[in-house]
């Protein structure tokens, strides 16, 4: 078993808490992504798991074994770095074999494992080349092949695709996900790219300022962010946010009434009349109309972006600007008015002062809203 348990991990640099009391459990064979903006602490946490930087407090368990203060070689891990970290003076074969040679594995076994890893990464024809004779994508494959050949119980990956161009990243994402699913290796993957996280991870830990804001499967993160930061960080375009005024168990944009679900109505009653609540909704979850409707809000079109499969409208609601995705056949122009419907089950509600969702992502109320 190669499950990983992180308990109350703390890592400080001077007065900065890079990792602030983080606890996570990664199941055996699971692909978990640590996602967050630059400087949020995700790489610091990964290095602590690898043993490249010890935590100040807390505990790290790998496969039921306490590895908190063990050196990297005693943790049963492989790591793929952002900068590849392959040796320029060694041929590809020797780069892939390096970790196995350090373990003093016999030559026949090394050959079998190197050949298999190279075939899995489609670089078997490059084994006699030097890294300088290869493209960036091919060098990244060498780094992954070296980690796979080592056959560690845990694979740690620190933004391994960030140096590749967009098309190559797309190709490598799909290949990596397929490969690691087939191998069943427990994987922790660090990235600031939310598209990578959503497309690859079984679960995603969204980290900000050293703390985990939400740890859930991709669909839960996207559909039910536990925090307005998560909603704004996940998705392209990100979730729209605007202010609404609470009156009883309803909320209003100016004088237009939004329709909360019964579960949200119960939460809104905890506020005073006149309080401001934060409303979030995805661009694709609103409906645009060219003609007035009683259940739709009149808004002004600022920008129209034809994107092929959709049109992306920039709309002004009072002082707020939001994005709305429409079918490419929907016709409008900047300066015109359209009418927007807000389906009650698609609206997400947040406390304006804390940013926290009124309904927790794992709560029975959320399940009721989904149903």
Protein backbone atom coordinates (compact mmCIF):
# COMPACT_ATOMS: atom_id res chain seq x y z
CA UNK A 1 0.00 0.00 0.00
CA UNK A 2 1.25 3.51 -0.88
CA UNK A 3 -1.38 5.71 0.67
CA UNK A 4 -0.07 9.06 1.98
CA UNK A 5 -1.27 10.79 5.13
CA UNK A 6 -0.22 14.36 5.93
CA UNK A 7 -1.15 15.48 9.42
CA UNK A 8 -1.04 19.13 10.53
CA UNK A 9 2.04 19.94 8.42
CA UNK A 10 3.65 23.31 9.08
CA UNK A 11 6.61 24.85 7.27
CA UNK A 12 7.80 28.39 7.89
CA UNK A 13 10.41 30.60 6.27
CA UNK A 14 11.10 33.41 8.69
CA UNK A 15 7.75 35.02 9.45
CA UNK A 16 6.02 33.39 6.45
CA UNK A 17 3.99 30.20 6.91
CA UNK A 18 4.44 28.54 3.53
CA UNK A 19 2.53 25.47 4.74
CA UNK A 20 -0.04 26.31 7.38
CA UNK A 21 -1.34 23.28 9.28
CA UNK A 22 -2.25 21.21 6.21
CA UNK A 23 -3.80 17.75 6.60
CA UNK A 24 -4.48 15.56 3.55
CA UNK A 25 -5.02 11.88 2.84
CA UNK A 26 -4.09 10.45 -0.57
CA UNK A 27 -5.40 6.95 -1.24
CA UNK A 28 -3.31 4.16 -2.70
CA UNK A 29 -3.21 4.55 -6.50
CA UNK A 30 -4.89 7.97 -6.44
CA UNK A 31 -3.84 10.89 -8.63
CA UNK A 32 -4.02 14.04 -6.48
CA UNK A 33 -3.26 17.53 -7.74
CA UNK A 34 -2.00 20.38 -5.56
CA UNK A 35 -3.37 23.47 -7.29
CA UNK A 36 -2.88 27.13 -6.51
CA UNK A 37 -1.27 30.39 -7.60
CA UNK A 38 2.48 30.94 -7.49
CA UNK A 39 3.76 31.25 -3.92
CA UNK A 40 0.79 29.49 -2.31
CA UNK A 41 2.93 26.71 -0.75
CA UNK A 42 2.14 23.77 -3.04
CA UNK A 43 5.76 23.08 -4.06
CA UNK A 44 6.94 23.52 -0.48
CA UNK A 45 4.45 20.84 0.58
CA UNK A 46 5.57 18.54 -2.25
CA UNK A 47 9.22 18.96 -1.25
CA UNK A 48 8.31 18.11 2.35
CA UNK A 49 6.65 14.89 1.16
CA UNK A 50 9.77 14.12 -0.88
CA UNK A 51 12.10 14.81 2.03
CA UNK A 52 13.82 17.71 0.25
CA UNK A 53 12.67 20.09 2.96
CA UNK A 54 11.57 18.92 6.40
CA UNK A 55 8.38 20.21 8.00
CA UNK A 56 8.68 22.22 11.23
CA UNK A 57 5.66 20.49 12.77
CA UNK A 58 3.29 17.70 11.83
CA UNK A 59 3.71 14.23 10.42
CA UNK A 60 3.97 12.57 6.99
CA UNK A 61 3.11 8.89 6.51
CA UNK A 62 3.74 6.88 3.33
CA UNK A 63 2.32 3.38 3.27
CA UNK A 64 1.73 3.36 7.06
CA UNK A 65 5.38 4.31 7.62
CA UNK A 66 6.32 7.57 9.35
CA UNK A 67 8.74 9.25 6.95
CA UNK A 68 8.61 12.76 8.43
CA UNK A 69 12.34 12.96 9.10
CA UNK A 70 13.66 10.28 6.74
CA UNK A 71 15.95 11.20 3.80
CA UNK A 72 14.45 11.02 0.29
CA UNK A 73 16.11 7.70 -0.56
CA UNK A 74 14.30 6.02 2.35
CA UNK A 75 10.82 7.19 1.37
CA UNK A 76 10.10 4.99 -1.66
CA UNK A 77 9.41 7.92 -3.97
CA UNK A 78 10.30 9.11 -7.47
CA UNK A 79 10.16 12.76 -8.49
CA UNK A 80 9.81 14.60 -11.80
CA UNK A 81 10.96 18.21 -11.71
CA UNK A 82 9.82 21.25 -13.68
CA UNK A 83 13.33 21.64 -15.11
CA UNK A 84 13.54 17.92 -16.10
CA UNK A 85 16.77 17.46 -14.08
CA UNK A 86 18.25 15.00 -16.56
CA UNK A 87 22.01 14.75 -17.00
CA UNK A 88 23.25 16.41 -20.22
CA UNK A 89 26.45 14.31 -20.35
CA UNK A 90 24.55 11.00 -20.23
CA UNK A 91 22.68 9.34 -23.04
CA UNK A 92 18.93 8.78 -22.63
CA UNK A 93 19.41 5.13 -21.67
CA UNK A 94 21.78 6.04 -18.84
CA UNK A 95 19.53 8.85 -17.65
CA UNK A 96 16.58 6.46 -17.32
CA UNK A 97 18.78 3.83 -15.69
CA UNK A 98 20.41 6.23 -13.21
CA UNK A 99 18.19 5.55 -10.20
CA UNK A 100 18.32 1.80 -10.74
CA UNK A 101 22.12 1.88 -10.87
CA UNK A 102 22.17 3.79 -7.59
CA UNK A 103 20.11 0.93 -6.09
CA UNK A 104 22.69 -1.51 -7.50
CA UNK A 105 20.13 -3.37 -9.59
CA UNK A 106 21.65 -5.98 -11.91
CA UNK A 107 22.23 -5.03 -15.56
CA UNK A 108 19.67 -7.43 -17.03
CA UNK A 109 16.88 -6.05 -14.82
CA UNK A 110 17.96 -2.50 -15.56
CA UNK A 111 17.77 -3.18 -19.29
CA UNK A 112 14.27 -4.63 -19.01
CA UNK A 113 12.98 -1.75 -16.91
CA UNK A 114 14.60 0.97 -19.03
CA UNK A 115 13.28 -0.58 -22.24
CA UNK A 116 9.75 -0.90 -20.82
CA UNK A 117 9.71 2.69 -19.51
CA UNK A 118 11.02 4.02 -22.82
CA UNK A 119 8.34 2.11 -24.73
CA UNK A 120 5.61 3.44 -22.44
CA UNK A 121 6.79 7.00 -23.14
CA UNK A 122 7.41 6.34 -26.87
CA UNK A 123 11.11 7.25 -26.72
CA UNK A 124 12.60 3.80 -27.38
CA UNK A 125 14.22 5.11 -30.59
CA UNK A 126 16.06 7.86 -28.66
CA UNK A 127 17.90 5.73 -26.09
CA UNK A 128 21.28 6.30 -27.76
CA UNK A 129 20.90 10.11 -27.97
CA UNK A 130 22.05 12.86 -25.66
CA UNK A 131 19.43 15.26 -24.19
CA UNK A 132 20.78 18.14 -26.30
CA UNK A 133 19.73 16.21 -29.41
CA UNK A 134 16.09 16.10 -28.27
CA UNK A 135 13.19 18.55 -28.06
CA UNK A 136 11.79 19.83 -24.77
CA UNK A 137 8.87 17.43 -24.95
CA UNK A 138 11.18 14.48 -25.55
CA UNK A 139 13.42 15.48 -22.63
CA UNK A 140 10.32 15.65 -20.41
CA UNK A 141 9.44 12.12 -21.47
CA UNK A 142 12.93 11.02 -20.43
CA UNK A 143 12.40 12.49 -16.97
CA UNK A 144 9.06 10.68 -16.61
CA UNK A 145 10.53 7.43 -17.94
CA UNK A 146 13.33 7.62 -15.35
CA UNK A 147 10.76 8.04 -12.55
CA UNK A 148 8.65 5.14 -13.86
CA UNK A 149 11.63 2.80 -14.31
CA UNK A 150 12.55 3.31 -10.66
CA UNK A 151 9.20 1.69 -9.77
CA UNK A 152 8.69 3.70 -6.60
CA UNK A 153 5.42 3.37 -4.75
CA UNK A 154 4.85 7.14 -4.96
CA UNK A 155 5.44 9.51 -7.87
CA UNK A 156 5.79 13.25 -7.18
CA UNK A 157 5.57 15.69 -10.10
CA UNK A 158 6.38 19.39 -9.80
CA UNK A 159 4.84 21.32 -12.75
CA UNK A 160 6.36 18.86 -15.24
CA UNK A 161 4.59 20.29 -18.30
CA UNK A 162 5.00 24.01 -17.66
CA UNK A 163 7.97 24.38 -20.06
CA UNK A 164 6.11 22.83 -22.99
CA UNK A 165 4.08 24.66 -25.62
CA UNK A 166 0.27 24.52 -25.47
CA UNK A 167 -0.27 21.74 -28.04
CA UNK A 168 2.42 19.54 -26.54
CA UNK A 169 1.00 20.07 -23.03
CA UNK A 170 -2.39 18.90 -24.30
CA UNK A 171 -0.84 15.76 -25.78
CA UNK A 172 1.29 15.01 -22.73
CA UNK A 173 -1.65 15.51 -20.33
CA UNK A 174 -3.64 12.78 -22.01
CA UNK A 175 -0.66 10.44 -22.25
CA UNK A 176 0.38 10.95 -18.63
CA UNK A 177 -3.13 10.37 -17.33
CA UNK A 178 -3.52 7.15 -19.32
CA UNK A 179 -0.06 5.92 -18.35
CA UNK A 180 -0.43 6.57 -14.62
CA UNK A 181 -3.94 5.12 -14.53
CA UNK A 182 -2.61 1.93 -16.08
CA UNK A 183 0.36 1.76 -13.71
CA UNK A 184 -1.76 2.47 -10.62
CA UNK A 185 1.00 4.56 -9.04
CA UNK A 186 0.06 6.92 -6.22
CA UNK A 187 0.77 10.35 -7.71
CA UNK A 188 0.92 13.88 -6.34
CA UNK A 189 1.06 16.48 -9.09
CA UNK A 190 1.75 20.19 -8.52
CA UNK A 191 0.49 22.81 -10.96
CA UNK A 192 -0.88 26.35 -11.16
CA UNK A 193 -2.77 25.44 -14.36
CA UNK A 194 -6.38 24.71 -13.42
CA UNK A 195 -7.09 23.05 -16.81
CA UNK A 196 -4.33 20.52 -16.08
CA UNK A 197 -5.74 19.94 -12.62
CA UNK A 198 -9.32 19.44 -13.77
CA UNK A 199 -8.38 17.13 -16.63
CA UNK A 200 -5.92 14.91 -14.74
CA UNK A 201 -6.71 14.72 -11.04
CA UNK A 202 -8.89 12.23 -9.19
CA UNK A 203 -9.01 14.85 -6.45
CA UNK A 204 -7.68 18.38 -6.28
CA UNK A 205 -6.45 20.30 -3.24
CA UNK A 206 -6.81 24.03 -3.88
CA UNK A 207 -4.17 25.86 -1.82
CA UNK A 208 -3.96 29.54 -0.99
CA UNK A 209 -1.52 31.22 1.41
CA UNK A 210 -0.37 27.86 2.74
CA UNK A 211 -3.85 26.52 3.54
CA UNK A 212 -6.12 24.05 1.75
CA UNK A 213 -9.38 25.77 0.85
CA UNK A 214 -11.04 22.72 -0.69
CA UNK A 215 -10.09 19.10 -1.39
CA UNK A 216 -12.55 17.40 -3.72
CA UNK A 217 -13.00 15.71 -7.10
CA UNK A 218 -12.81 18.06 -10.10
CA UNK A 219 -16.57 18.15 -10.76
CA UNK A 220 -17.31 19.09 -7.15
CA UNK A 221 -14.71 21.86 -7.21
CA UNK A 222 -16.13 23.23 -10.43
CA UNK A 223 -19.83 22.95 -9.61
CA UNK A 224 -19.77 23.58 -5.87
CA UNK A 225 -16.77 25.71 -4.83
CA UNK A 226 -16.50 25.93 -1.07
CA UNK A 227 -15.03 29.42 -1.31
CA UNK A 228 -15.34 32.33 -3.72
CA UNK A 229 -11.57 32.13 -4.37
CA UNK A 230 -11.99 28.54 -5.57
CA UNK A 231 -14.88 29.55 -7.84
CA UNK A 232 -12.83 32.39 -9.28
CA UNK A 233 -9.67 30.30 -9.70
CA UNK A 234 -11.31 27.24 -11.30
CA UNK A 235 -12.83 27.55 -14.77
CA UNK A 236 -12.20 29.46 -17.97
CA UNK A 237 -13.75 31.96 -17.84
CA UNK A 238 -13.84 31.94 -14.04
CA UNK A 239 -17.10 32.01 -12.11
CA UNK A 240 -18.96 35.33 -12.27
CA UNK A 241 -19.56 37.17 -9.01
CA UNK A 242 -21.89 40.04 -8.24
CA UNK A 243 -23.61 41.57 -5.23
CA UNK A 244 -27.23 40.95 -4.27
CA UNK A 245 -29.27 42.45 -1.43
CA UNK A 246 -30.99 40.17 1.09
CA UNK A 247 -34.66 40.72 1.90
CA UNK A 248 -36.20 37.98 3.99
CA UNK A 249 -35.46 34.67 2.27
CA UNK A 250 -34.85 36.28 -1.12
CA UNK A 251 -32.00 38.21 -2.74
CA UNK A 252 -32.25 41.00 -5.30
CA UNK A 253 -30.04 42.54 -7.97
CA UNK A 254 -31.38 46.07 -7.72
CA UNK A 255 -35.12 45.24 -7.90
CA UNK A 256 -34.77 41.98 -9.83
CA UNK A 257 -35.49 38.94 -7.62
CA UNK A 258 -33.23 35.90 -7.75
CA UNK A 259 -34.87 32.60 -6.89
CA UNK A 260 -32.93 30.69 -4.19
CA UNK A 261 -33.58 27.00 -3.59
CA UNK A 262 -35.30 26.13 -0.27
CA UNK A 263 -31.92 25.13 1.20
CA UNK A 264 -30.46 28.55 0.39
CA UNK A 265 -33.58 30.35 1.60
CA UNK A 266 -33.00 28.87 5.04
CA UNK A 267 -29.44 30.26 5.03
CA UNK A 268 -30.51 33.71 3.79
CA UNK A 269 -32.89 34.06 6.74
CA UNK A 270 -29.83 34.23 9.00
CA UNK A 271 -29.00 37.62 7.45
CA UNK A 272 -30.60 40.99 8.12
CA UNK A 273 -32.66 42.78 5.51
CA UNK A 274 -30.36 45.03 3.51
CA UNK A 275 -27.27 42.83 3.97
CA UNK A 276 -25.21 42.17 0.86
CA UNK A 277 -24.60 38.60 -0.26
CA UNK A 278 -22.15 37.42 -2.93
CA UNK A 279 -23.73 35.55 -5.84
CA UNK A 280 -21.72 33.32 -8.19
CA UNK A 281 -22.69 31.66 -11.45
CA UNK A 282 -20.79 30.11 -14.35
CA UNK A 283 -20.84 31.68 -17.81
CA UNK A 284 -22.45 28.58 -19.35
CA UNK A 285 -25.13 28.31 -16.65
CA UNK A 286 -27.05 31.46 -17.63
CA UNK A 287 -29.47 31.83 -20.52
CA UNK A 288 -29.50 34.87 -22.81
CA UNK A 289 -32.64 36.08 -24.60
CA UNK A 290 -33.08 38.70 -27.32
CA UNK A 291 -36.56 39.65 -26.07
CA UNK A 292 -37.92 40.63 -22.63
CA UNK A 293 -39.17 38.00 -20.19
CA UNK A 294 -40.62 38.36 -16.68
CA UNK A 295 -38.05 35.98 -15.21
CA UNK A 296 -35.04 37.57 -16.97
CA UNK A 297 -32.88 40.59 -16.10
CA UNK A 298 -32.21 43.27 -18.70
CA UNK A 299 -28.46 43.84 -19.16
CA UNK A 300 -26.25 45.69 -21.61
CA UNK A 301 -23.78 43.95 -23.93
CA UNK A 302 -20.25 45.34 -23.71
CA UNK A 303 -18.22 42.89 -25.82
CA UNK A 304 -19.00 39.93 -28.09
CA UNK A 305 -16.22 37.34 -28.59
CA UNK A 306 -16.93 34.67 -31.25
CA UNK A 307 -14.95 31.59 -30.16
CA UNK A 308 -16.16 29.06 -32.70
CA UNK A 309 -18.07 26.62 -30.52
CA UNK A 310 -19.57 29.48 -28.50
CA UNK A 311 -19.92 33.22 -28.26
CA UNK A 312 -18.64 34.80 -25.06
CA UNK A 313 -20.54 37.93 -24.06
CA UNK A 314 -19.26 40.52 -21.62
CA UNK A 315 -22.27 42.05 -19.86
CA UNK A 316 -22.72 44.87 -17.38
CA UNK A 317 -25.00 44.39 -14.38
CA UNK A 318 -24.98 47.66 -12.47
CA UNK A 319 -21.36 48.14 -11.45
CA UNK A 320 -20.48 44.48 -12.07
CA UNK A 321 -19.17 42.98 -15.32
CA UNK A 322 -19.86 39.31 -16.02
CA UNK A 323 -19.23 36.75 -18.78
CA UNK A 324 -21.99 34.69 -20.42
CA UNK A 325 -21.53 31.86 -22.90
CA UNK A 326 -24.10 31.49 -25.68
CA UNK A 327 -24.63 29.28 -28.71
CA UNK A 328 -22.78 30.66 -31.75
CA UNK A 329 -26.16 31.25 -33.44
CA UNK A 330 -27.16 33.77 -30.76
CA UNK A 331 -26.87 37.21 -32.38
CA UNK A 332 -26.20 40.45 -30.53
CA UNK A 333 -23.78 43.37 -30.72
CA UNK A 334 -21.98 45.68 -28.27
CA UNK A 335 -24.33 48.36 -26.98
CA UNK A 336 -27.46 46.26 -27.37
CA UNK A 337 -29.60 44.96 -24.49
CA UNK A 338 -30.23 41.29 -23.80
CA UNK A 339 -32.22 39.55 -21.08
CA UNK A 340 -30.57 36.98 -18.82
CA UNK A 341 -32.11 34.13 -16.85
CA UNK A 342 -30.42 32.80 -13.70
CA UNK A 343 -31.53 29.18 -13.06
CA UNK A 344 -31.92 28.80 -9.28
CA UNK A 345 -30.07 25.46 -9.13
CA UNK A 346 -27.08 26.95 -10.92
CA UNK A 347 -26.57 29.94 -8.62
CA UNK A 348 -23.92 29.62 -5.91
CA UNK A 349 -24.18 31.74 -2.77
CA UNK A 350 -21.29 33.05 -0.69
CA UNK A 351 -20.91 35.13 2.45
CA UNK A 352 -19.51 38.44 1.26
CA UNK A 353 -17.19 38.99 4.24
CA UNK A 354 -15.67 35.49 4.50
CA UNK A 355 -16.03 34.26 0.92
CA UNK A 356 -17.33 30.92 2.25
CA UNK A 357 -20.14 29.10 0.49
CA UNK A 358 -23.48 29.12 2.31
CA UNK A 359 -23.79 25.42 1.46
CA UNK A 360 -20.77 23.19 2.02
CA UNK A 361 -19.71 21.11 -0.98
CA UNK A 362 -20.06 17.85 1.01
CA UNK A 363 -23.34 18.72 2.70
CA UNK A 364 -26.69 16.94 2.16
CA UNK A 365 -28.12 20.33 1.08
CA UNK A 366 -25.81 20.39 -1.93
CA UNK A 367 -26.94 16.88 -2.89
CA UNK A 368 -30.53 18.11 -2.65
CA UNK A 369 -29.75 21.08 -4.92
CA UNK A 370 -28.12 18.79 -7.48
CA UNK A 371 -31.10 16.44 -7.51
